[in-house]
Protein backbone atom coordinates (compact mmCIF):
# COMPACT_ATOMS: atom_id res chain seq x y z
CA MET A 1 -17.45 -2.04 9.24
CA ARG A 2 -13.95 -2.68 10.37
CA TYR A 3 -12.54 -6.07 11.33
CA PHE A 4 -9.19 -6.66 13.01
CA GLY A 5 -7.84 -10.11 12.96
CA CYS A 6 -4.58 -12.16 12.72
CA ASN A 7 -3.45 -14.24 9.75
CA PRO A 8 -2.04 -17.44 11.30
CA LYS A 9 0.19 -18.27 8.27
CA ASP A 10 2.36 -15.19 8.33
CA ARG A 11 1.29 -13.67 11.66
CA SER A 12 0.22 -10.43 9.94
CA LEU A 13 -2.52 -8.25 11.35
CA ILE A 14 -5.44 -7.70 9.00
CA LEU A 15 -7.75 -4.77 8.80
CA LEU A 16 -10.78 -5.14 6.53
CA ALA A 17 -12.53 -1.92 5.85
CA ALA A 18 -15.80 -2.15 3.93
CA SER A 19 -17.46 0.75 2.25
CA LYS A 20 -20.20 1.30 -0.34
CA GLU A 21 -17.58 1.62 -3.06
CA SER A 22 -15.63 -1.57 -2.35
CA SER A 23 -14.06 -3.64 0.30
CA LYS A 24 -10.41 -4.08 0.26
CA VAL A 25 -7.82 -5.65 2.70
CA VAL A 26 -5.04 -3.57 4.10
CA GLN A 27 -2.48 -5.93 5.77
CA LEU A 28 -0.16 -4.68 8.43
CA PHE A 29 3.03 -6.78 8.95
CA MET A 30 5.41 -6.50 11.95
CA LEU A 31 8.93 -5.92 10.62
CA PRO A 32 11.94 -7.50 12.37
CA GLN A 33 13.30 -4.05 13.33
CA GLY A 34 10.06 -3.26 15.14
CA GLY A 35 8.20 -1.21 12.51
CA LEU A 36 5.18 -1.92 10.36
CA MET A 37 4.77 -2.91 6.75
CA ILE A 38 1.51 -1.72 5.22
CA LYS A 39 0.24 -3.47 2.17
CA LEU A 40 -2.39 -1.70 0.16
CA ASP A 41 -3.95 -3.71 -2.66
CA LEU A 42 -5.27 -1.64 -5.58
CA HIS A 43 -5.52 -4.62 -7.95
CA GLY A 44 -8.94 -4.58 -9.59
CA MET A 45 -9.92 -1.17 -8.08
CA ARG A 46 -11.26 1.71 -10.11
CA HIS A 47 -8.57 4.37 -10.75
CA GLU A 48 -10.56 7.14 -9.04
CA GLU A 49 -10.97 5.19 -5.82
CA ALA A 50 -7.30 4.00 -5.93
CA LYS A 51 -6.06 7.55 -6.35
CA ARG A 52 -8.03 8.57 -3.18
CA LYS A 53 -6.59 5.62 -1.20
CA VAL A 54 -2.99 6.30 -2.30
CA ASP A 55 -3.49 10.03 -1.56
CA ARG A 56 -4.68 9.10 1.95
CA LEU A 57 -1.73 6.83 2.51
CA ALA A 58 0.73 9.42 1.22
CA ASN A 59 -0.87 12.15 3.33
CA THR A 60 -0.16 10.14 6.51
CA TYR A 61 3.39 9.27 5.44
CA CYS A 62 4.92 12.31 7.18
CA ASN A 63 3.82 10.84 10.48
CA TRP A 64 5.55 7.49 9.94
CA ASP A 65 8.59 6.57 11.89
CA GLU A 66 11.76 5.43 10.11
CA ASN A 67 10.93 1.70 10.60
CA GLU A 68 7.65 1.75 8.68
CA GLU A 69 7.26 0.85 5.01
CA ALA A 70 4.38 0.39 2.57
CA GLU A 71 3.82 -1.83 -0.43
CA ILE A 72 1.18 -0.76 -2.94
CA ILE A 73 -0.02 -3.57 -5.20
CA THR A 74 -0.98 -2.17 -8.59
CA GLY A 75 -1.28 -5.36 -10.68
CA HIS A 76 -0.16 -5.30 -14.32
CA SER A 77 -1.91 -1.99 -15.19
CA SER A 78 0.68 0.54 -16.34
CA SER A 79 -1.82 3.36 -15.95
CA MET A 80 -2.48 2.36 -12.29
CA ARG A 81 1.24 2.22 -11.71
CA ASN A 82 1.84 5.59 -13.28
CA MET A 83 -0.98 7.11 -11.24
CA VAL A 84 0.51 5.87 -7.98
CA ILE A 85 3.90 7.09 -8.97
CA GLU A 86 2.49 10.55 -9.78
CA VAL A 87 0.73 10.74 -6.34
CA LEU A 88 3.97 9.68 -4.56
CA GLN A 89 6.02 12.26 -6.48
CA GLU A 90 3.56 15.04 -5.52
CA TYR A 91 4.32 14.22 -1.90
CA ASP A 92 8.05 13.81 -2.58
CA ILE A 93 7.97 10.27 -1.24
CA GLU A 94 10.91 7.90 -2.04
CA HIS A 95 9.77 4.80 -3.77
CA TYR A 96 10.83 2.12 -6.20
CA VAL A 97 8.88 -0.14 -8.61
CA GLY A 98 9.09 -3.87 -8.17
CA GLY A 99 11.61 -4.31 -5.42
CA TYR A 100 15.27 -3.62 -5.37
CA LEU A 101 15.90 -5.23 -8.75
CA GLY A 102 12.77 -3.72 -10.41
CA VAL A 103 11.87 -7.15 -11.92
CA ASP A 104 8.29 -7.49 -10.59
CA THR A 105 6.46 -4.38 -11.67
CA THR A 106 3.12 -5.25 -10.07
CA TYR A 107 3.90 -3.36 -6.89
CA ILE A 108 5.51 -0.16 -5.68
CA LYS A 109 7.46 0.00 -2.39
CA ILE A 110 7.61 3.07 -0.16
CA TYR A 111 10.42 3.36 2.36
């Protein structure tokens, strides 16, 4: 099942994809420069499933245009964060942990 909708608070587009394994929300935000910001929430997900989702996202990265970004929410799990970093490094994707200052380590940004 797929559901497309609009969040009236921040005007983001929402795609909800449900599967037998889990249902997670992927949010798509329109950036001021005209691109998209993809938010993938891995918080609370099993590591095997999370690795597949990050691998799928990284696999499509080569088709992104320069105005597209992604934010992968890992939560406080250092093993989840390390797994995401390993996948991104396999694909040679530039990223940083916790924003420009590296203060909030609960997410990883791809640019």
